[in-house]
Amino acid sequence: MAKIDFVPNDYIQQKECGRANFLYLILFGILMGAIGVTFSIIKMRQKAVESDLSSLEQRMAEAGAQIAQLDELKKKTSTMMQTMVTTAELLEPMPRSVILACLTNKLPGGVSLLELKMEEKEQKAASSRPPSSQSQYQKTKAQQEQTPQSANSRPATETTIEIKGIAPSDIEVASYIARLSASILMQNVALVESKEHIVEDVRYREFKLKAKLKQNISLTKEDIEKIRRSREIDT
């Protein structure tokens, strides 16, 4: 027996279209939800990046402040070093570099220095006692006149230099003594010891000298340049 369907075809098509539209709405809702979640994640990441960026800018600002402080400290250190060098030059009447230049540039050919020792000693001022024939008033007045001068004046120092070196013979040693004695810095240059040594059939003299720096010397720039260029003149 044949089955007869009394449902119109239009109704069936409309019903299927409604189901399809419902599925489309569900898919659209899912898509919009995914877009919303993605947008939220992007916003969260953007906020995190902005926070990291602000923190980095703050660190860079702090680092810039520290670099500025370091540069200022370097400038202060450089200024202090220059002040210390200037003070040392003012306090030291004779720069050690000039003394060393004088000792080395005066060396004759074949002579070499092995040791160099400098020693400074303060000279004790001779005490001037007033004669017994003076009255007590004259003695007190003389002491008052001498006190300010002794307080302001620097104590005189005596610099002794001990030199040890080697030379081919005593002729070069004598020449070195003569050159040092003729310099504007040295005085009382004397030979302390001279010994002959033989190493692998080579003879040489080991000598020791002792000298003193002249006191109350005021060197000009021309004198210092002359001392430092004296090697060219001597050779």
N, C-alpha and C. Protein backbone atom coordinates (compact mmCIF):
# COMPACT_ATOMS: atom_id res chain seq x y z
N MET A 1 0.86 -1.18 0.00
CA MET A 1 0.00 0.00 0.00
C MET A 1 0.89 1.23 0.00
N ALA A 2 0.72 2.08 -0.88
CA ALA A 2 1.55 3.28 -0.99
C ALA A 2 1.30 4.26 0.14
N LYS A 3 2.47 4.87 0.65
CA LYS A 3 2.40 5.84 1.74
C LYS A 3 2.28 7.23 1.15
N ILE A 4 1.30 7.92 1.63
CA ILE A 4 1.04 9.25 1.10
C ILE A 4 1.44 10.27 2.14
N ASP A 5 2.34 11.24 1.76
CA ASP A 5 2.82 12.31 2.66
C ASP A 5 2.02 13.56 2.37
N PHE A 6 1.29 14.02 3.38
CA PHE A 6 0.45 15.19 3.20
C PHE A 6 1.17 16.49 3.57
N VAL A 7 2.50 16.44 4.00
CA VAL A 7 3.24 17.66 4.38
C VAL A 7 3.74 18.34 3.11
N PRO A 8 3.44 19.60 2.98
CA PRO A 8 3.87 20.28 1.77
C PRO A 8 5.40 20.41 1.70
N ASN A 9 5.88 20.47 0.49
CA ASN A 9 7.35 20.62 0.31
C ASN A 9 7.86 21.98 0.77
N ASP A 10 7.06 23.00 0.64
CA ASP A 10 7.49 24.33 1.10
C ASP A 10 7.76 24.35 2.60
N TYR A 11 6.90 23.65 3.32
CA TYR A 11 7.07 23.62 4.78
C TYR A 11 8.39 22.93 5.13
N ILE A 12 8.65 21.85 4.41
CA ILE A 12 9.91 21.12 4.69
C ILE A 12 11.11 22.00 4.37
N GLN A 13 11.12 22.73 3.28
CA GLN A 13 12.23 23.60 2.91
C GLN A 13 12.41 24.72 3.91
N GLN A 14 11.28 25.30 4.36
CA GLN A 14 11.37 26.37 5.35
C GLN A 14 11.98 25.86 6.66
N LYS A 15 11.57 24.63 7.04
CA LYS A 15 12.10 24.05 8.27
C LYS A 15 13.60 23.80 8.17
N GLU A 16 14.04 23.32 7.00
CA GLU A 16 15.49 23.09 6.82
C GLU A 16 16.25 24.42 6.77
N CYS A 17 15.67 25.40 6.14
CA CYS A 17 16.31 26.73 6.13
C CYS A 17 16.42 27.31 7.53
N GLY A 18 15.40 27.09 8.38
CA GLY A 18 15.47 27.57 9.75
C GLY A 18 16.57 26.89 10.54
N ARG A 19 16.70 25.57 10.32
CA ARG A 19 17.78 24.87 11.00
C ARG A 19 19.15 25.39 10.54
N ALA A 20 19.26 25.59 9.23
CA ALA A 20 20.54 26.10 8.72
C ALA A 20 20.85 27.49 9.28
N ASN A 21 19.86 28.34 9.33
CA ASN A 21 20.08 29.68 9.89
C ASN A 21 20.48 29.62 11.36
N PHE A 22 19.84 28.68 12.10
CA PHE A 22 20.18 28.52 13.51
C PHE A 22 21.63 28.08 13.67
N LEU A 23 22.05 27.15 12.81
CA LEU A 23 23.45 26.71 12.86
C LEU A 23 24.40 27.86 12.51
N TYR A 24 23.98 28.67 11.50
CA TYR A 24 24.80 29.82 11.14
C TYR A 24 24.92 30.82 12.30
N LEU A 25 23.82 31.00 13.00
CA LEU A 25 23.85 31.91 14.15
C LEU A 25 24.78 31.39 15.24
N ILE A 26 24.72 30.08 15.47
CA ILE A 26 25.60 29.48 16.48
C ILE A 26 27.07 29.66 16.08
N LEU A 27 27.36 29.37 14.80
CA LEU A 27 28.74 29.54 14.33
C LEU A 27 29.18 31.00 14.41
N PHE A 28 28.28 31.93 14.07
CA PHE A 28 28.61 33.35 14.16
C PHE A 28 28.89 33.76 15.61
N GLY A 29 28.06 33.21 16.53
CA GLY A 29 28.28 33.52 17.94
C GLY A 29 29.61 32.99 18.42
N ILE A 30 29.93 31.75 18.00
CA ILE A 30 31.23 31.18 18.38
C ILE A 30 32.37 32.03 17.82
N LEU A 31 32.24 32.45 16.55
CA LEU A 31 33.27 33.29 15.93
C LEU A 31 33.41 34.61 16.66
N MET A 32 32.32 35.26 16.99
CA MET A 32 32.39 36.53 17.71
C MET A 32 32.98 36.35 19.09
N GLY A 33 32.64 35.21 19.74
CA GLY A 33 33.24 34.94 21.04
C GLY A 33 34.75 34.75 20.94
N ALA A 34 35.17 34.03 19.90
CA ALA A 34 36.62 33.84 19.71
C ALA A 34 37.32 35.17 19.44
N ILE A 35 36.66 36.01 18.63
CA ILE A 35 37.24 37.34 18.36
C ILE A 35 37.32 38.16 19.64
N GLY A 36 36.30 38.09 20.48
CA GLY A 36 36.31 38.82 21.73
C GLY A 36 37.41 38.34 22.66
N VAL A 37 37.56 37.00 22.74
CA VAL A 37 38.63 36.44 23.59
C VAL A 37 40.00 36.86 23.07
N THR A 38 40.16 36.78 21.74
CA THR A 38 41.45 37.19 21.15
C THR A 38 41.73 38.66 21.41
N PHE A 39 40.71 39.51 21.27
CA PHE A 39 40.88 40.93 21.53
C PHE A 39 41.27 41.18 22.99
N SER A 40 40.61 40.41 23.90
CA SER A 40 40.94 40.57 25.33
C SER A 40 42.38 40.16 25.60
N ILE A 41 42.80 39.05 24.98
CA ILE A 41 44.20 38.60 25.18
C ILE A 41 45.17 39.65 24.63
N ILE A 42 44.84 40.21 23.45
CA ILE A 42 45.72 41.23 22.87
C ILE A 42 45.79 42.45 23.78
N LYS A 43 44.67 42.87 24.35
CA LYS A 43 44.67 44.02 25.25
C LYS A 43 45.50 43.74 26.50
N MET A 44 45.35 42.50 27.03
CA MET A 44 46.13 42.15 28.21
C MET A 44 47.63 42.17 27.90
N ARG A 45 47.98 41.61 26.75
CA ARG A 45 49.39 41.63 26.38
C ARG A 45 49.88 43.05 26.12
N GLN A 46 49.06 43.88 25.55
CA GLN A 46 49.43 45.27 25.31
C GLN A 46 49.67 46.01 26.63
N LYS A 47 48.80 45.76 27.60
CA LYS A 47 48.99 46.37 28.91
C LYS A 47 50.28 45.88 29.57
N ALA A 48 50.56 44.57 29.41
CA ALA A 48 51.79 44.03 29.98
C ALA A 48 53.02 44.65 29.31
N VAL A 49 52.95 44.80 27.97
CA VAL A 49 54.06 45.42 27.25
C VAL A 49 54.24 46.88 27.66
N GLU A 50 53.12 47.60 27.82
CA GLU A 50 53.21 48.99 28.26
C GLU A 50 53.80 49.09 29.65
N SER A 51 53.42 48.14 30.52
CA SER A 51 53.99 48.14 31.87
C SER A 51 55.48 47.87 31.83
N ASP A 52 55.89 46.87 31.01
CA ASP A 52 57.33 46.59 30.88
C ASP A 52 58.07 47.77 30.27
N LEU A 53 57.42 48.44 29.30
CA LEU A 53 58.05 49.59 28.67
C LEU A 53 58.24 50.74 29.65
N SER A 54 57.23 50.98 30.47
CA SER A 54 57.36 52.05 31.48
C SER A 54 58.43 51.70 32.50
N SER A 55 58.49 50.41 32.89
CA SER A 55 59.54 49.99 33.82
C SER A 55 60.92 50.14 33.20
N LEU A 56 61.04 49.79 31.90
CA LEU A 56 62.32 49.95 31.22
C LEU A 56 62.71 51.41 31.11
N GLU A 57 61.75 52.29 30.82
CA GLU A 57 62.05 53.71 30.74
C GLU A 57 62.50 54.25 32.09
N GLN A 58 61.88 53.75 33.17
CA GLN A 58 62.29 54.18 34.50
C GLN A 58 63.71 53.72 34.81
N ARG A 59 64.01 52.47 34.41
CA ARG A 59 65.37 51.98 34.64
C ARG A 59 66.39 52.76 33.81
N MET A 60 66.00 53.09 32.57
CA MET A 60 66.91 53.88 31.74
C MET A 60 67.13 55.25 32.34
N ALA A 61 66.08 55.84 32.90
CA ALA A 61 66.23 57.15 33.54
C ALA A 61 67.16 57.05 34.75
N GLU A 62 66.98 56.00 35.56
CA GLU A 62 67.86 55.80 36.70
C GLU A 62 69.30 55.56 36.25
N ALA A 63 69.46 54.75 35.17
CA ALA A 63 70.81 54.51 34.66
C ALA A 63 71.43 55.79 34.13
N GLY A 64 70.62 56.63 33.46
CA GLY A 64 71.14 57.91 32.98
C GLY A 64 71.57 58.80 34.14
N ALA A 65 70.80 58.79 35.23
CA ALA A 65 71.18 59.59 36.40
C ALA A 65 72.48 59.07 37.01
N GLN A 66 72.61 57.73 37.07
CA GLN A 66 73.84 57.16 37.60
C GLN A 66 75.04 57.47 36.71
N ILE A 67 74.84 57.43 35.37
CA ILE A 67 75.93 57.77 34.46
C ILE A 67 76.33 59.23 34.63
N ALA A 68 75.34 60.10 34.81
CA ALA A 68 75.65 61.51 35.03
C ALA A 68 76.43 61.70 36.32
N GLN A 69 76.03 60.98 37.38
CA GLN A 69 76.77 61.06 38.64
C GLN A 69 78.19 60.54 38.47
N LEU A 70 78.34 59.44 37.68
CA LEU A 70 79.67 58.88 37.46
C LEU A 70 80.55 59.86 36.69
N ASP A 71 79.98 60.51 35.66
CA ASP A 71 80.75 61.51 34.91
C ASP A 71 81.16 62.67 35.80
N GLU A 72 80.25 63.10 36.66
CA GLU A 72 80.57 64.19 37.58
C GLU A 72 81.67 63.78 38.56
N LEU A 73 81.58 62.50 39.02
CA LEU A 73 82.61 62.00 39.93
C LEU A 73 83.97 61.92 39.23
N LYS A 74 83.95 61.50 37.93
CA LYS A 74 85.20 61.45 37.19
C LYS A 74 85.80 62.84 37.03
N LYS A 75 84.94 63.82 36.75
CA LYS A 75 85.44 65.19 36.62
C LYS A 75 86.03 65.68 37.94
N LYS A 76 85.32 65.38 39.05
CA LYS A 76 85.84 65.79 40.36
C LYS A 76 87.16 65.09 40.66
N THR A 77 87.24 63.79 40.31
CA THR A 77 88.47 63.05 40.55
C THR A 77 89.62 63.62 39.73
N SER A 78 89.33 63.95 38.45
CA SER A 78 90.37 64.54 37.61
C SER A 78 90.83 65.88 38.16
N THR A 79 89.87 66.68 38.63
CA THR A 79 90.23 67.97 39.22
C THR A 79 91.07 67.79 40.48
N MET A 80 90.67 66.82 41.30
CA MET A 80 91.43 66.56 42.52
C MET A 80 92.84 66.07 42.21
N MET A 81 92.97 65.21 41.18
CA MET A 81 94.29 64.72 40.79
C MET A 81 95.17 65.87 40.30
N GLN A 82 94.59 66.77 39.50
CA GLN A 82 95.36 67.92 39.04
C GLN A 82 95.78 68.80 40.21
N THR A 83 94.87 68.97 41.16
CA THR A 83 95.20 69.77 42.34
C THR A 83 96.30 69.12 43.16
N MET A 84 96.22 67.78 43.29
CA MET A 84 97.25 67.07 44.04
C MET A 84 98.61 67.17 43.35
N VAL A 85 98.60 67.04 42.01
CA VAL A 85 99.87 67.15 41.28
C VAL A 85 100.46 68.54 41.42
N THR A 86 99.58 69.55 41.29
CA THR A 86 100.05 70.93 41.44
C THR A 86 100.58 71.18 42.84
N THR A 87 99.86 70.65 43.85
CA THR A 87 100.31 70.82 45.23
C THR A 87 101.64 70.13 45.46
N ALA A 88 101.77 68.91 44.89
CA ALA A 88 103.03 68.18 45.05
C ALA A 88 104.19 68.92 44.40
N GLU A 89 103.92 69.52 43.22
CA GLU A 89 104.97 70.28 42.57
C GLU A 89 105.35 71.52 43.37
N LEU A 90 104.33 72.13 44.02
CA LEU A 90 104.63 73.30 44.84
C LEU A 90 105.40 72.92 46.10
N LEU A 91 105.01 71.78 46.70
CA LEU A 91 105.67 71.36 47.93
C LEU A 91 107.05 70.78 47.67
N GLU A 92 107.25 70.16 46.50
CA GLU A 92 108.53 69.55 46.18
C GLU A 92 109.38 70.56 45.42
N PRO A 93 110.43 71.06 46.02
CA PRO A 93 111.22 72.10 45.36
C PRO A 93 111.91 71.61 44.11
N MET A 94 112.27 70.32 44.07
CA MET A 94 112.97 69.77 42.91
C MET A 94 112.25 68.51 42.44
N PRO A 95 111.61 68.52 41.28
CA PRO A 95 110.91 67.32 40.80
C PRO A 95 111.87 66.16 40.62
N ARG A 96 111.42 64.97 41.00
CA ARG A 96 112.27 63.79 40.90
C ARG A 96 112.60 63.47 39.44
N SER A 97 111.68 63.77 38.53
CA SER A 97 111.94 63.47 37.12
C SER A 97 113.12 64.27 36.59
N VAL A 98 113.27 65.51 37.08
CA VAL A 98 114.39 66.34 36.63
C VAL A 98 115.70 65.78 37.18
N ILE A 99 115.67 65.33 38.43
CA ILE A 99 116.88 64.74 39.02
C ILE A 99 117.28 63.48 38.27
N LEU A 100 116.29 62.62 37.97
CA LEU A 100 116.58 61.39 37.24
C LEU A 100 117.10 61.69 35.84
N ALA A 101 116.53 62.72 35.19
CA ALA A 101 117.01 63.09 33.86
C ALA A 101 118.46 63.58 33.92
N CYS A 102 118.79 64.31 34.96
CA CYS A 102 120.16 64.78 35.12
C CYS A 102 121.12 63.60 35.31
N LEU A 103 120.74 62.63 36.12
CA LEU A 103 121.62 61.49 36.39
C LEU A 103 121.79 60.60 35.17
N THR A 104 120.73 60.39 34.42
CA THR A 104 120.82 59.48 33.28
C THR A 104 121.42 60.14 32.04
N ASN A 105 121.10 61.41 31.81
CA ASN A 105 121.61 62.08 30.62
C ASN A 105 123.10 62.42 30.73
N LYS A 106 123.63 62.40 31.94
CA LYS A 106 125.06 62.67 32.12
C LYS A 106 125.91 61.41 32.02
N LEU A 107 125.29 60.26 31.77
CA LEU A 107 126.05 59.01 31.71
C LEU A 107 126.96 58.99 30.48
N PRO A 108 128.23 58.68 30.66
CA PRO A 108 129.10 58.48 29.49
C PRO A 108 128.75 57.18 28.78
N GLY A 109 129.34 56.99 27.61
CA GLY A 109 129.07 55.78 26.85
C GLY A 109 129.59 54.55 27.57
N GLY A 110 128.75 53.50 27.64
CA GLY A 110 129.13 52.25 28.28
C GLY A 110 128.84 52.18 29.76
N VAL A 111 128.35 53.30 30.36
CA VAL A 111 128.06 53.33 31.79
C VAL A 111 126.56 53.12 31.99
N SER A 112 126.22 52.28 32.96
CA SER A 112 124.82 52.00 33.28
C SER A 112 124.61 52.11 34.77
N LEU A 113 123.41 52.55 35.15
CA LEU A 113 123.04 52.66 36.56
C LEU A 113 122.34 51.38 37.00
N LEU A 114 122.67 50.93 38.22
CA LEU A 114 122.04 49.74 38.79
C LEU A 114 121.08 50.09 39.92
N GLU A 115 121.49 50.99 40.78
CA GLU A 115 120.66 51.37 41.93
C GLU A 115 120.75 52.88 42.13
N LEU A 116 119.68 53.43 42.65
CA LEU A 116 119.62 54.85 42.94
C LEU A 116 118.82 55.05 44.22
N LYS A 117 119.39 55.74 45.16
CA LYS A 117 118.76 55.96 46.45
C LYS A 117 118.85 57.43 46.80
N MET A 118 117.70 57.99 47.19
CA MET A 118 117.65 59.39 47.61
C MET A 118 117.13 59.46 49.03
N GLU A 119 117.77 60.27 49.80
CA GLU A 119 117.41 60.42 51.21
C GLU A 119 117.39 61.90 51.56
N GLU A 120 116.29 62.32 52.17
CA GLU A 120 116.14 63.71 52.57
C GLU A 120 116.19 63.81 54.09
N LYS A 121 116.91 64.78 54.56
CA LYS A 121 117.03 65.02 55.99
C LYS A 121 116.84 66.50 56.26
N GLU A 122 116.10 66.77 57.33
CA GLU A 122 115.91 68.16 57.72
C GLU A 122 117.14 68.65 58.48
N GLN A 123 117.58 69.82 58.08
CA GLN A 123 118.72 70.41 58.76
C GLN A 123 118.25 71.18 59.99
N LYS A 124 118.89 70.88 61.06
CA LYS A 124 118.54 71.59 62.30
C LYS A 124 119.17 72.96 62.30
N ALA A 125 118.32 73.95 62.55
CA ALA A 125 118.81 75.32 62.59
C ALA A 125 119.66 75.54 63.82
N ALA A 126 120.74 76.24 63.63
CA ALA A 126 121.63 76.52 64.75
C ALA A 126 120.96 77.48 65.70
N SER A 127 120.94 77.10 66.94
CA SER A 127 120.30 77.93 67.96
C SER A 127 121.20 79.09 68.31
N SER A 128 120.66 80.27 68.13
CA SER A 128 121.42 81.48 68.44
C SER A 128 121.03 81.96 69.82
N ARG A 129 121.93 81.78 70.72
CA ARG A 129 121.67 82.24 72.09
C ARG A 129 122.13 83.68 72.26
N PRO A 130 121.30 84.49 72.87
CA PRO A 130 121.72 85.89 73.07
C PRO A 130 122.85 85.94 74.08
N PRO A 131 123.74 86.87 73.88
CA PRO A 131 124.85 87.00 74.85
C PRO A 131 124.34 87.33 76.24
N SER A 132 125.12 86.91 77.20
CA SER A 132 124.70 87.09 78.60
C SER A 132 124.71 88.54 79.02
N SER A 133 125.39 89.36 78.22
CA SER A 133 125.46 90.77 78.61
C SER A 133 124.17 91.52 78.33
N GLN A 134 123.25 90.92 77.50
CA GLN A 134 122.00 91.61 77.21
C GLN A 134 121.08 91.57 78.42
N SER A 135 120.20 92.58 78.47
CA SER A 135 119.23 92.63 79.54
C SER A 135 118.07 91.69 79.24
N GLN A 136 117.22 91.47 80.23
CA GLN A 136 116.08 90.57 80.05
C GLN A 136 115.10 91.13 79.01
N TYR A 137 114.95 92.42 78.95
CA TYR A 137 114.06 93.05 77.96
C TYR A 137 114.57 92.82 76.54
N GLN A 138 115.89 92.96 76.36
CA GLN A 138 116.47 92.75 75.02
C GLN A 138 116.35 91.29 74.60
N LYS A 139 116.52 90.37 75.56
CA LYS A 139 116.39 88.94 75.23
C LYS A 139 114.96 88.61 74.81
N THR A 140 113.98 89.15 75.56
CA THR A 140 112.57 88.88 75.24
C THR A 140 112.21 89.46 73.88
N LYS A 141 112.67 90.64 73.58
CA LYS A 141 112.38 91.27 72.30
C LYS A 141 113.00 90.49 71.15
N ALA A 142 114.19 89.98 71.32
CA ALA A 142 114.86 89.19 70.26
C ALA A 142 114.12 87.88 70.01
N GLN A 143 113.62 87.26 71.09
CA GLN A 143 112.86 86.03 70.92
C GLN A 143 111.55 86.27 70.18
N GLN A 144 110.88 87.40 70.50
CA GLN A 144 109.63 87.74 69.81
C GLN A 144 109.86 88.02 68.33
N GLU A 145 110.99 88.60 67.97
CA GLU A 145 111.28 88.87 66.57
C GLU A 145 111.62 87.60 65.80
N GLN A 146 112.22 86.62 66.46
CA GLN A 146 112.62 85.39 65.79
C GLN A 146 111.48 84.40 65.68
N THR A 147 110.48 84.45 66.54
CA THR A 147 109.41 83.45 66.55
C THR A 147 108.57 83.45 65.29
N PRO A 148 108.07 84.60 64.77
CA PRO A 148 107.27 84.56 63.54
C PRO A 148 108.05 84.05 62.34
N GLN A 149 109.34 84.39 62.25
CA GLN A 149 110.13 83.94 61.13
C GLN A 149 110.29 82.44 61.15
N SER A 150 110.54 81.86 62.30
CA SER A 150 110.73 80.41 62.39
C SER A 150 109.43 79.67 62.15
N ALA A 151 108.28 80.29 62.46
CA ALA A 151 107.00 79.61 62.26
C ALA A 151 106.61 79.58 60.80
N ASN A 152 106.94 80.64 60.06
CA ASN A 152 106.53 80.72 58.66
C ASN A 152 107.51 80.09 57.70
N SER A 153 108.79 79.99 58.08
CA SER A 153 109.79 79.46 57.16
C SER A 153 109.76 77.94 57.14
N ARG A 154 110.01 77.37 55.95
CA ARG A 154 110.05 75.92 55.81
C ARG A 154 111.38 75.39 56.31
N PRO A 155 111.39 74.20 56.92
CA PRO A 155 112.66 73.65 57.38
C PRO A 155 113.55 73.28 56.20
N ALA A 156 114.81 73.65 56.28
CA ALA A 156 115.75 73.34 55.21
C ALA A 156 116.02 71.84 55.19
N THR A 157 116.04 71.28 53.99
CA THR A 157 116.29 69.85 53.82
C THR A 157 117.56 69.64 53.02
N GLU A 158 118.25 68.57 53.34
CA GLU A 158 119.47 68.18 52.63
C GLU A 158 119.21 66.83 51.96
N THR A 159 119.34 66.78 50.65
CA THR A 159 119.06 65.57 49.88
C THR A 159 120.36 64.92 49.48
N THR A 160 120.53 63.68 49.93
CA THR A 160 121.71 62.90 49.60
C THR A 160 121.33 61.82 48.59
N ILE A 161 122.16 61.66 47.57
CA ILE A 161 121.91 60.69 46.51
C ILE A 161 123.03 59.67 46.49
N GLU A 162 122.66 58.40 46.56
CA GLU A 162 123.62 57.31 46.44
C GLU A 162 123.40 56.61 45.11
N ILE A 163 124.47 56.49 44.33
CA ILE A 163 124.39 55.94 42.98
C ILE A 163 125.27 54.70 42.89
N LYS A 164 124.73 53.66 42.29
CA LYS A 164 125.47 52.43 42.05
C LYS A 164 125.34 52.07 40.59
N GLY A 165 126.47 51.76 39.94
CA GLY A 165 126.42 51.43 38.53
C GLY A 165 127.63 50.65 38.10
N ILE A 166 127.72 50.41 36.79
CA ILE A 166 128.85 49.68 36.21
C ILE A 166 129.39 50.49 35.05
N ALA A 167 130.71 50.34 34.82
CA ALA A 167 131.39 51.08 33.77
C ALA A 167 132.51 50.21 33.21
N PRO A 168 132.93 50.47 31.96
CA PRO A 168 134.04 49.67 31.40
C PRO A 168 135.35 49.85 32.14
N SER A 169 135.61 51.08 32.63
CA SER A 169 136.87 51.34 33.34
C SER A 169 136.68 52.54 34.25
N ASP A 170 137.75 52.87 34.98
CA ASP A 170 137.69 54.02 35.88
C ASP A 170 137.67 55.34 35.12
N ILE A 171 138.06 55.32 33.85
CA ILE A 171 138.03 56.55 33.07
C ILE A 171 136.59 57.05 32.91
N GLU A 172 135.70 56.12 32.58
CA GLU A 172 134.29 56.50 32.44
C GLU A 172 133.70 56.93 33.78
N VAL A 173 134.12 56.28 34.86
CA VAL A 173 133.64 56.68 36.19
C VAL A 173 134.07 58.11 36.51
N ALA A 174 135.34 58.42 36.23
CA ALA A 174 135.84 59.77 36.48
C ALA A 174 135.11 60.78 35.60
N SER A 175 134.83 60.40 34.35
CA SER A 175 134.09 61.30 33.47
C SER A 175 132.68 61.55 34.00
N TYR A 176 132.06 60.51 34.53
CA TYR A 176 130.71 60.67 35.08
C TYR A 176 130.72 61.58 36.30
N ILE A 177 131.72 61.43 37.15
CA ILE A 177 131.84 62.30 38.33
C ILE A 177 132.03 63.75 37.90
N ALA A 178 132.87 63.96 36.87
CA ALA A 178 133.11 65.33 36.40
C ALA A 178 131.83 65.94 35.82
N ARG A 179 131.07 65.14 35.08
CA ARG A 179 129.84 65.67 34.49
C ARG A 179 128.81 66.03 35.56
N LEU A 180 128.68 65.16 36.57
CA LEU A 180 127.74 65.47 37.64
C LEU A 180 128.18 66.69 38.44
N SER A 181 129.47 66.82 38.66
CA SER A 181 129.97 67.98 39.42
C SER A 181 129.75 69.28 38.66
N ALA A 182 129.76 69.19 37.33
CA ALA A 182 129.57 70.40 36.53
C ALA A 182 128.10 70.74 36.32
N SER A 183 127.19 69.86 36.73
CA SER A 183 125.77 70.14 36.55
C SER A 183 125.30 71.19 37.54
N ILE A 184 124.14 71.77 37.25
CA ILE A 184 123.61 72.83 38.11
C ILE A 184 122.85 72.27 39.30
N LEU A 185 122.71 70.94 39.38
CA LEU A 185 121.94 70.34 40.47
C LEU A 185 122.81 69.71 41.54
N MET A 186 123.96 69.14 41.16
CA MET A 186 124.74 68.32 42.07
C MET A 186 125.91 69.08 42.67
N GLN A 187 126.29 68.65 43.85
CA GLN A 187 127.49 69.15 44.51
C GLN A 187 128.04 68.03 45.39
N ASN A 188 129.31 68.17 45.72
CA ASN A 188 130.00 67.20 46.58
C ASN A 188 129.89 65.78 46.03
N VAL A 189 130.10 65.63 44.73
CA VAL A 189 130.07 64.31 44.11
C VAL A 189 131.38 63.60 44.43
N ALA A 190 131.28 62.43 45.06
CA ALA A 190 132.47 61.72 45.50
C ALA A 190 132.34 60.24 45.20
N LEU A 191 133.49 59.61 44.94
CA LEU A 191 133.53 58.17 44.70
C LEU A 191 133.63 57.45 46.04
N VAL A 192 132.68 56.58 46.31
CA VAL A 192 132.67 55.82 47.55
C VAL A 192 133.40 54.50 47.40
N GLU A 193 133.16 53.82 46.29
CA GLU A 193 133.75 52.50 46.10
C GLU A 193 133.84 52.19 44.62
N SER A 194 134.89 51.45 44.23
CA SER A 194 135.06 51.01 42.86
C SER A 194 135.76 49.66 42.88
N LYS A 195 135.08 48.65 42.34
CA LYS A 195 135.61 47.28 42.33
C LYS A 195 135.63 46.75 40.91
N GLU A 196 136.61 45.91 40.66
CA GLU A 196 136.73 45.28 39.34
C GLU A 196 136.11 43.89 39.39
N HIS A 197 135.32 43.56 38.38
CA HIS A 197 134.68 42.25 38.27
C HIS A 197 134.99 41.68 36.89
N ILE A 198 135.07 40.35 36.83
CA ILE A 198 135.32 39.66 35.58
C ILE A 198 134.23 38.62 35.38
N VAL A 199 133.49 38.76 34.29
CA VAL A 199 132.42 37.82 33.93
C VAL A 199 132.66 37.36 32.51
N GLU A 200 132.98 36.08 32.36
CA GLU A 200 133.24 35.49 31.04
C GLU A 200 134.32 36.27 30.30
N ASP A 201 135.43 36.48 31.00
CA ASP A 201 136.60 37.18 30.45
C ASP A 201 136.32 38.64 30.08
N VAL A 202 135.25 39.19 30.61
CA VAL A 202 134.93 40.60 30.38
C VAL A 202 135.12 41.35 31.70
N ARG A 203 135.97 42.39 31.65
CA ARG A 203 136.25 43.18 32.84
C ARG A 203 135.36 44.43 32.87
N TYR A 204 134.87 44.72 34.03
CA TYR A 204 134.10 45.94 34.21
C TYR A 204 134.24 46.41 35.65
N ARG A 205 133.94 47.69 35.86
CA ARG A 205 134.05 48.30 37.19
C ARG A 205 132.65 48.51 37.76
N GLU A 206 132.48 48.09 39.00
CA GLU A 206 131.25 48.40 39.73
C GLU A 206 131.58 49.53 40.71
N PHE A 207 130.88 50.64 40.57
CA PHE A 207 131.21 51.82 41.36
C PHE A 207 130.00 52.28 42.17
N LYS A 208 130.33 53.03 43.22
CA LYS A 208 129.32 53.66 44.05
C LYS A 208 129.71 55.12 44.24
N LEU A 209 128.75 56.01 44.00
CA LEU A 209 128.97 57.44 44.15
C LEU A 209 128.02 57.99 45.20
N LYS A 210 128.40 59.12 45.73
CA LYS A 210 127.57 59.82 46.68
C LYS A 210 127.60 61.29 46.33
N ALA A 211 126.42 61.92 46.27
CA ALA A 211 126.34 63.33 45.91
C ALA A 211 125.22 63.97 46.70
N LYS A 212 125.20 65.29 46.64
CA LYS A 212 124.17 66.07 47.32
C LYS A 212 123.56 67.06 46.34
N LEU A 213 122.28 67.31 46.53
CA LEU A 213 121.61 68.33 45.73
C LEU A 213 121.94 69.71 46.27
N LYS A 214 122.13 70.62 45.35
CA LYS A 214 122.36 72.00 45.78
C LYS A 214 121.08 72.56 46.38
N GLN A 215 121.22 73.32 47.41
CA GLN A 215 120.07 73.88 48.11
C GLN A 215 119.70 75.24 47.54
N ASN A 216 118.41 75.57 47.74
CA ASN A 216 117.89 76.88 47.33
C ASN A 216 118.10 77.14 45.84
N ILE A 217 117.79 76.11 45.02
CA ILE A 217 117.89 76.25 43.57
C ILE A 217 116.50 76.55 43.02
N SER A 218 116.39 77.55 42.20
CA SER A 218 115.13 77.85 41.52
C SER A 218 115.36 77.67 40.02
N LEU A 219 114.79 76.60 39.48
CA LEU A 219 114.99 76.27 38.07
C LEU A 219 113.88 76.91 37.23
N THR A 220 114.26 77.44 36.11
CA THR A 220 113.30 77.95 35.15
C THR A 220 112.93 76.83 34.16
N LYS A 221 111.94 77.11 33.32
CA LYS A 221 111.57 76.13 32.31
C LYS A 221 112.72 75.86 31.34
N GLU A 222 113.49 76.91 31.04
CA GLU A 222 114.63 76.73 30.15
C GLU A 222 115.67 75.82 30.78
N ASP A 223 115.90 75.96 32.10
CA ASP A 223 116.87 75.10 32.79
C ASP A 223 116.41 73.65 32.77
N ILE A 224 115.11 73.41 33.00
CA ILE A 224 114.58 72.05 33.01
C ILE A 224 114.69 71.43 31.63
N GLU A 225 114.36 72.19 30.59
CA GLU A 225 114.47 71.67 29.23
C GLU A 225 115.92 71.39 28.87
N LYS A 226 116.83 72.22 29.35
CA LYS A 226 118.25 72.01 29.08
C LYS A 226 118.74 70.74 29.75
N ILE A 227 118.27 70.49 30.99
CA ILE A 227 118.67 69.27 31.69
C ILE A 227 118.14 68.04 30.97
N ARG A 228 116.91 68.10 30.50
CA ARG A 228 116.31 66.94 29.83
C ARG A 228 116.87 66.72 28.43
N ARG A 229 117.44 67.76 27.80
CA ARG A 229 118.03 67.61 26.48
C ARG A 229 119.54 67.46 26.53
N SER A 230 120.08 67.37 27.73
CA SER A 230 121.54 67.34 27.84
C SER A 230 122.15 66.07 27.27
N ARG A 231 121.35 65.01 27.09
CA ARG A 231 121.85 63.79 26.47
C ARG A 231 122.33 64.06 25.05
N GLU A 232 121.56 64.89 24.30
CA GLU A 232 121.96 65.21 22.95
C GLU A 232 123.26 66.00 22.93
N ILE A 233 123.44 66.87 23.91
CA ILE A 233 124.66 67.68 23.96
C ILE A 233 125.86 66.84 24.34
N ASP A 234 125.68 65.94 25.34
CA ASP A 234 126.79 65.15 25.82
C ASP A 234 127.25 64.13 24.79
N THR A 235 126.30 63.57 24.02
CA THR A 235 126.68 62.58 23.06
C THR A 235 127.19 63.23 21.76
